[in-house]
Amino acid sequence: MSSLPVNKIVERVTEKIYELEPSLLEKFGERGKERCYEDNHYHMKYLETTYKLDNLQIFTDYALWLNNLLTSRGMKTQHIIDNFKFIQEALFELDNYGDKQVQAYVTYLEEANHILKQQQL
């Protein structure tokens, strides 16, 4: 994977999700929290692939697919939007925030959220 501290980012994001919405633990249990952690690793892998191939559509297509999958299982689109925002926040906290790769990830996440917000209308 990339030189970014992916595990640290994923742990931070997962913690924040459950900190801000503790009802998720009640609704989905520890298994749901484990899935959240796994899902965030997938988000990071898709960000990296999108960056390596320089193709924004990879991440936006992934976001739309993910939205369809998770909303069919009781999640809301807003959960995904918030999750992507939390990844952005974790990226902002990095010492190498000015790095080209980090900036690209932020752009991909913003574009995916823009498209997901349109799905909510």
N, C-alpha and C. Protein backbone atom coordinates (compact mmCIF):
# COMPACT_ATOMS: atom_id res chain seq x y z
N MET A 1 0.84 -1.18 0.00
CA MET A 1 0.00 0.00 0.00
C MET A 1 0.89 1.24 0.00
N SER A 2 0.28 2.37 0.07
CA SER A 2 1.00 3.64 0.00
C SER A 2 1.86 3.88 1.23
N SER A 3 2.59 4.98 1.19
CA SER A 3 3.43 5.35 2.33
C SER A 3 2.62 6.05 3.43
N LEU A 4 1.36 6.21 3.22
CA LEU A 4 0.50 6.84 4.23
C LEU A 4 0.28 5.88 5.40
N PRO A 5 0.05 6.42 6.59
CA PRO A 5 -0.21 5.57 7.76
C PRO A 5 -1.66 5.07 7.74
N VAL A 6 -1.93 4.12 6.86
CA VAL A 6 -3.29 3.67 6.61
C VAL A 6 -3.95 3.12 7.87
N ASN A 7 -3.26 2.28 8.62
CA ASN A 7 -3.87 1.72 9.84
C ASN A 7 -4.26 2.82 10.82
N LYS A 8 -3.40 3.81 10.96
CA LYS A 8 -3.68 4.93 11.86
C LYS A 8 -4.92 5.70 11.39
N ILE A 9 -5.00 5.94 10.09
CA ILE A 9 -6.15 6.65 9.52
C ILE A 9 -7.43 5.85 9.75
N VAL A 10 -7.38 4.57 9.45
CA VAL A 10 -8.56 3.71 9.59
C VAL A 10 -9.00 3.62 11.05
N GLU A 11 -8.06 3.48 11.96
CA GLU A 11 -8.42 3.43 13.38
C GLU A 11 -9.06 4.73 13.82
N ARG A 12 -8.50 5.84 13.41
CA ARG A 12 -9.03 7.15 13.79
C ARG A 12 -10.45 7.34 13.25
N VAL A 13 -10.65 6.97 12.01
CA VAL A 13 -11.96 7.14 11.38
C VAL A 13 -13.00 6.24 12.06
N THR A 14 -12.65 4.99 12.30
CA THR A 14 -13.58 4.06 12.94
C THR A 14 -13.95 4.54 14.34
N GLU A 15 -12.96 5.00 15.09
CA GLU A 15 -13.22 5.54 16.42
C GLU A 15 -14.20 6.71 16.35
N LYS A 16 -13.96 7.61 15.41
CA LYS A 16 -14.80 8.80 15.30
C LYS A 16 -16.24 8.44 14.93
N ILE A 17 -16.40 7.50 14.03
CA ILE A 17 -17.74 7.08 13.63
C ILE A 17 -18.53 6.58 14.84
N TYR A 18 -17.91 5.72 15.62
CA TYR A 18 -18.60 5.13 16.77
C TYR A 18 -18.70 6.09 17.95
N GLU A 19 -17.80 7.03 18.01
CA GLU A 19 -17.87 8.06 19.05
C GLU A 19 -19.05 8.98 18.80
N LEU A 20 -19.25 9.37 17.54
CA LEU A 20 -20.32 10.31 17.21
C LEU A 20 -21.68 9.64 17.06
N GLU A 21 -21.67 8.34 16.81
CA GLU A 21 -22.94 7.64 16.66
C GLU A 21 -22.89 6.28 17.37
N PRO A 22 -22.94 6.31 18.70
CA PRO A 22 -22.84 5.07 19.48
C PRO A 22 -23.99 4.10 19.21
N SER A 23 -25.08 4.58 18.67
CA SER A 23 -26.21 3.69 18.37
C SER A 23 -25.84 2.64 17.32
N LEU A 24 -24.80 2.92 16.53
CA LEU A 24 -24.36 1.93 15.55
C LEU A 24 -23.88 0.65 16.22
N LEU A 25 -23.26 0.79 17.39
CA LEU A 25 -22.79 -0.38 18.12
C LEU A 25 -23.98 -1.22 18.58
N GLU A 26 -25.03 -0.55 19.04
CA GLU A 26 -26.23 -1.26 19.45
C GLU A 26 -26.89 -1.94 18.26
N LYS A 27 -26.94 -1.23 17.14
CA LYS A 27 -27.64 -1.74 15.96
C LYS A 27 -26.89 -2.88 15.28
N PHE A 28 -25.55 -2.74 15.16
CA PHE A 28 -24.78 -3.70 14.37
C PHE A 28 -23.79 -4.53 15.20
N GLY A 29 -23.61 -4.19 16.48
CA GLY A 29 -22.74 -4.95 17.37
C GLY A 29 -21.26 -4.81 17.03
N GLU A 30 -20.45 -5.61 17.72
CA GLU A 30 -18.99 -5.59 17.50
C GLU A 30 -18.64 -6.01 16.08
N ARG A 31 -19.43 -6.93 15.54
CA ARG A 31 -19.18 -7.38 14.16
C ARG A 31 -19.32 -6.19 13.20
N GLY A 32 -20.29 -5.34 13.45
CA GLY A 32 -20.46 -4.15 12.62
C GLY A 32 -19.27 -3.23 12.71
N LYS A 33 -18.72 -3.10 13.90
CA LYS A 33 -17.53 -2.25 14.08
C LYS A 33 -16.33 -2.84 13.33
N GLU A 34 -16.19 -4.16 13.38
CA GLU A 34 -15.12 -4.82 12.63
C GLU A 34 -15.30 -4.59 11.13
N ARG A 35 -16.55 -4.67 10.67
CA ARG A 35 -16.82 -4.43 9.25
C ARG A 35 -16.51 -2.99 8.86
N CYS A 36 -16.80 -2.07 9.75
CA CYS A 36 -16.48 -0.66 9.52
C CYS A 36 -14.98 -0.49 9.33
N TYR A 37 -14.21 -1.13 10.19
CA TYR A 37 -12.75 -1.09 10.09
C TYR A 37 -12.30 -1.67 8.75
N GLU A 38 -12.85 -2.82 8.38
CA GLU A 38 -12.52 -3.45 7.10
C GLU A 38 -12.92 -2.55 5.93
N ASP A 39 -14.13 -2.00 6.02
CA ASP A 39 -14.61 -1.12 4.94
C ASP A 39 -13.68 0.07 4.75
N ASN A 40 -13.18 0.63 5.83
CA ASN A 40 -12.29 1.78 5.71
C ASN A 40 -10.95 1.39 5.08
N HIS A 41 -10.53 0.18 5.31
CA HIS A 41 -9.33 -0.30 4.59
C HIS A 41 -9.62 -0.39 3.10
N TYR A 42 -10.82 -0.85 2.75
CA TYR A 42 -11.20 -0.89 1.33
C TYR A 42 -11.26 0.52 0.75
N HIS A 43 -11.81 1.46 1.50
CA HIS A 43 -11.86 2.85 1.01
C HIS A 43 -10.44 3.34 0.69
N MET A 44 -9.52 3.04 1.59
CA MET A 44 -8.13 3.49 1.39
C MET A 44 -7.50 2.79 0.19
N LYS A 45 -7.81 1.52 -0.01
CA LYS A 45 -7.28 0.79 -1.17
C LYS A 45 -7.83 1.37 -2.46
N TYR A 46 -9.12 1.70 -2.46
CA TYR A 46 -9.69 2.30 -3.66
C TYR A 46 -9.12 3.68 -3.92
N LEU A 47 -8.88 4.45 -2.87
CA LEU A 47 -8.23 5.75 -3.05
C LEU A 47 -6.85 5.57 -3.68
N GLU A 48 -6.11 4.60 -3.19
CA GLU A 48 -4.76 4.36 -3.72
C GLU A 48 -4.81 3.93 -5.18
N THR A 49 -5.73 3.03 -5.51
CA THR A 49 -5.85 2.57 -6.90
C THR A 49 -6.24 3.72 -7.81
N THR A 50 -7.19 4.53 -7.35
CA THR A 50 -7.62 5.69 -8.12
C THR A 50 -6.44 6.62 -8.39
N TYR A 51 -5.62 6.80 -7.37
CA TYR A 51 -4.44 7.66 -7.50
C TYR A 51 -3.43 7.06 -8.47
N LYS A 52 -3.13 5.79 -8.31
CA LYS A 52 -2.12 5.14 -9.16
C LYS A 52 -2.54 5.14 -10.63
N LEU A 53 -3.84 4.96 -10.87
CA LEU A 53 -4.33 4.91 -12.25
C LEU A 53 -4.78 6.28 -12.75
N ASP A 54 -4.74 7.27 -11.86
CA ASP A 54 -5.14 8.63 -12.20
C ASP A 54 -6.50 8.66 -12.90
N ASN A 55 -7.47 8.01 -12.23
CA ASN A 55 -8.80 7.88 -12.82
C ASN A 55 -9.86 8.05 -11.74
N LEU A 56 -10.37 9.25 -11.62
CA LEU A 56 -11.35 9.60 -10.59
C LEU A 56 -12.58 8.70 -10.63
N GLN A 57 -12.96 8.25 -11.81
CA GLN A 57 -14.18 7.45 -11.94
C GLN A 57 -14.10 6.14 -11.16
N ILE A 58 -12.90 5.64 -10.93
CA ILE A 58 -12.77 4.41 -10.13
C ILE A 58 -13.36 4.64 -8.74
N PHE A 59 -13.01 5.75 -8.12
CA PHE A 59 -13.50 5.99 -6.75
C PHE A 59 -14.96 6.39 -6.74
N THR A 60 -15.40 7.18 -7.69
CA THR A 60 -16.81 7.58 -7.69
C THR A 60 -17.71 6.38 -7.99
N ASP A 61 -17.29 5.50 -8.90
CA ASP A 61 -18.06 4.28 -9.16
C ASP A 61 -18.10 3.40 -7.90
N TYR A 62 -16.98 3.31 -7.22
CA TYR A 62 -16.92 2.55 -5.97
C TYR A 62 -17.88 3.14 -4.95
N ALA A 63 -17.91 4.45 -4.81
CA ALA A 63 -18.79 5.11 -3.84
C ALA A 63 -20.26 4.81 -4.15
N LEU A 64 -20.62 4.85 -5.41
CA LEU A 64 -22.01 4.55 -5.80
C LEU A 64 -22.36 3.09 -5.54
N TRP A 65 -21.43 2.18 -5.87
CA TRP A 65 -21.64 0.77 -5.60
C TRP A 65 -21.79 0.54 -4.10
N LEU A 66 -20.90 1.15 -3.33
CA LEU A 66 -20.92 1.01 -1.87
C LEU A 66 -22.23 1.53 -1.30
N ASN A 67 -22.69 2.65 -1.80
CA ASN A 67 -23.95 3.23 -1.33
C ASN A 67 -25.10 2.25 -1.57
N ASN A 68 -25.16 1.68 -2.76
CA ASN A 68 -26.23 0.71 -3.07
C ASN A 68 -26.15 -0.50 -2.15
N LEU A 69 -24.95 -0.99 -1.91
CA LEU A 69 -24.77 -2.16 -1.06
C LEU A 69 -25.17 -1.86 0.38
N LEU A 70 -24.64 -0.79 0.94
CA LEU A 70 -24.86 -0.51 2.35
C LEU A 70 -26.28 -0.03 2.65
N THR A 71 -26.87 0.74 1.76
CA THR A 71 -28.24 1.18 2.01
C THR A 71 -29.21 0.00 1.93
N SER A 72 -28.86 -1.02 1.15
CA SER A 72 -29.71 -2.22 1.11
C SER A 72 -29.61 -3.02 2.40
N ARG A 73 -28.60 -2.69 3.23
CA ARG A 73 -28.38 -3.40 4.50
C ARG A 73 -28.69 -2.52 5.71
N GLY A 74 -29.43 -1.44 5.48
CA GLY A 74 -29.90 -0.64 6.59
C GLY A 74 -29.08 0.60 6.92
N MET A 75 -28.00 0.82 6.21
CA MET A 75 -27.22 2.03 6.43
C MET A 75 -27.86 3.16 5.63
N LYS A 76 -27.45 4.36 5.92
CA LYS A 76 -27.93 5.53 5.19
C LYS A 76 -26.78 6.13 4.37
N THR A 77 -27.13 6.76 3.27
CA THR A 77 -26.12 7.42 2.44
C THR A 77 -25.30 8.40 3.27
N GLN A 78 -25.95 9.07 4.21
CA GLN A 78 -25.26 10.05 5.05
C GLN A 78 -24.13 9.40 5.84
N HIS A 79 -24.28 8.13 6.22
CA HIS A 79 -23.20 7.44 6.92
C HIS A 79 -21.94 7.37 6.06
N ILE A 80 -22.12 7.10 4.78
CA ILE A 80 -20.97 7.01 3.87
C ILE A 80 -20.36 8.39 3.67
N ILE A 81 -21.21 9.39 3.48
CA ILE A 81 -20.73 10.76 3.32
C ILE A 81 -19.91 11.17 4.55
N ASP A 82 -20.46 10.90 5.73
CA ASP A 82 -19.74 11.23 6.96
C ASP A 82 -18.43 10.47 7.05
N ASN A 83 -18.45 9.19 6.69
CA ASN A 83 -17.25 8.37 6.73
C ASN A 83 -16.17 8.99 5.84
N PHE A 84 -16.54 9.39 4.64
CA PHE A 84 -15.57 10.00 3.73
C PHE A 84 -15.06 11.33 4.28
N LYS A 85 -15.92 12.09 4.95
CA LYS A 85 -15.48 13.34 5.59
C LYS A 85 -14.47 13.05 6.69
N PHE A 86 -14.70 11.98 7.45
CA PHE A 86 -13.78 11.63 8.53
C PHE A 86 -12.42 11.19 7.97
N ILE A 87 -12.44 10.54 6.82
CA ILE A 87 -11.15 10.20 6.19
C ILE A 87 -10.43 11.48 5.79
N GLN A 88 -11.17 12.43 5.23
CA GLN A 88 -10.56 13.72 4.88
C GLN A 88 -9.95 14.37 6.12
N GLU A 89 -10.69 14.38 7.21
CA GLU A 89 -10.18 15.00 8.44
C GLU A 89 -8.91 14.30 8.91
N ALA A 90 -8.87 12.99 8.83
CA ALA A 90 -7.68 12.24 9.22
C ALA A 90 -6.51 12.59 8.30
N LEU A 91 -6.80 12.79 7.03
CA LEU A 91 -5.74 13.19 6.09
C LEU A 91 -5.23 14.60 6.41
N PHE A 92 -6.15 15.50 6.80
CA PHE A 92 -5.76 16.86 7.17
C PHE A 92 -4.79 16.86 8.35
N GLU A 93 -4.93 15.87 9.22
CA GLU A 93 -4.10 15.78 10.42
C GLU A 93 -2.69 15.27 10.15
N LEU A 94 -2.45 14.74 8.96
CA LEU A 94 -1.13 14.19 8.64
C LEU A 94 -0.08 15.28 8.51
N ASP A 95 1.13 14.94 8.89
CA ASP A 95 2.24 15.88 8.74
C ASP A 95 2.51 16.20 7.28
N ASN A 96 2.24 15.24 6.41
CA ASN A 96 2.50 15.44 4.98
C ASN A 96 1.23 15.80 4.22
N TYR A 97 0.37 16.62 4.85
CA TYR A 97 -0.90 16.99 4.22
C TYR A 97 -0.69 17.63 2.85
N GLY A 98 0.39 18.36 2.65
CA GLY A 98 0.64 19.01 1.37
C GLY A 98 1.08 18.06 0.27
N ASP A 99 1.30 16.82 0.60
CA ASP A 99 1.73 15.80 -0.35
C ASP A 99 0.72 15.66 -1.49
N LYS A 100 1.21 15.47 -2.70
CA LYS A 100 0.36 15.37 -3.88
C LYS A 100 -0.66 14.22 -3.75
N GLN A 101 -0.22 13.09 -3.21
CA GLN A 101 -1.11 11.94 -3.05
C GLN A 101 -2.23 12.26 -2.06
N VAL A 102 -1.90 12.88 -0.96
CA VAL A 102 -2.90 13.22 0.04
C VAL A 102 -3.91 14.21 -0.54
N GLN A 103 -3.41 15.20 -1.25
CA GLN A 103 -4.31 16.18 -1.87
C GLN A 103 -5.24 15.52 -2.88
N ALA A 104 -4.72 14.56 -3.63
CA ALA A 104 -5.56 13.84 -4.59
C ALA A 104 -6.64 13.05 -3.87
N TYR A 105 -6.29 12.38 -2.78
CA TYR A 105 -7.28 11.63 -2.00
C TYR A 105 -8.40 12.54 -1.53
N VAL A 106 -8.04 13.72 -1.04
CA VAL A 106 -9.04 14.68 -0.57
C VAL A 106 -9.99 15.05 -1.71
N THR A 107 -9.44 15.28 -2.88
CA THR A 107 -10.25 15.61 -4.05
C THR A 107 -11.18 14.47 -4.41
N TYR A 108 -10.69 13.24 -4.41
CA TYR A 108 -11.53 12.08 -4.73
C TYR A 108 -12.68 11.95 -3.74
N LEU A 109 -12.38 12.13 -2.47
CA LEU A 109 -13.41 12.03 -1.43
C LEU A 109 -14.46 13.13 -1.59
N GLU A 110 -14.02 14.34 -1.91
CA GLU A 110 -14.96 15.44 -2.12
C GLU A 110 -15.88 15.15 -3.29
N GLU A 111 -15.32 14.65 -4.38
CA GLU A 111 -16.13 14.35 -5.56
C GLU A 111 -17.12 13.22 -5.27
N ALA A 112 -16.67 12.20 -4.57
CA ALA A 112 -17.58 11.10 -4.22
C ALA A 112 -18.72 11.61 -3.35
N ASN A 113 -18.41 12.46 -2.38
CA ASN A 113 -19.45 13.00 -1.52
C ASN A 113 -20.43 13.87 -2.30
N HIS A 114 -19.93 14.60 -3.26
CA HIS A 114 -20.81 15.42 -4.11
C HIS A 114 -21.82 14.51 -4.83
N ILE A 115 -21.34 13.42 -5.37
CA ILE A 115 -22.20 12.49 -6.10
C ILE A 115 -23.18 11.79 -5.14
N LEU A 116 -22.69 11.42 -3.97
CA LEU A 116 -23.56 10.76 -2.99
C LEU A 116 -24.66 11.70 -2.49
N LYS A 117 -24.33 12.97 -2.33
CA LYS A 117 -25.35 13.92 -1.90
C LYS A 117 -26.46 14.03 -2.94
N GLN A 118 -26.10 13.91 -4.20
CA GLN A 118 -27.12 13.93 -5.27
C GLN A 118 -28.03 12.71 -5.17
N GLN A 119 -27.49 11.60 -4.66
CA GLN A 119 -28.29 10.37 -4.49
C GLN A 119 -29.35 10.56 -3.41
N GLN A 120 -29.11 11.47 -2.49
CA GLN A 120 -30.06 11.71 -1.39
C GLN A 120 -31.25 12.54 -1.82
N LEU A 121 -31.13 13.24 -2.93
CA LEU A 121 -32.22 14.14 -3.35
C LEU A 121 -33.43 13.39 -3.85
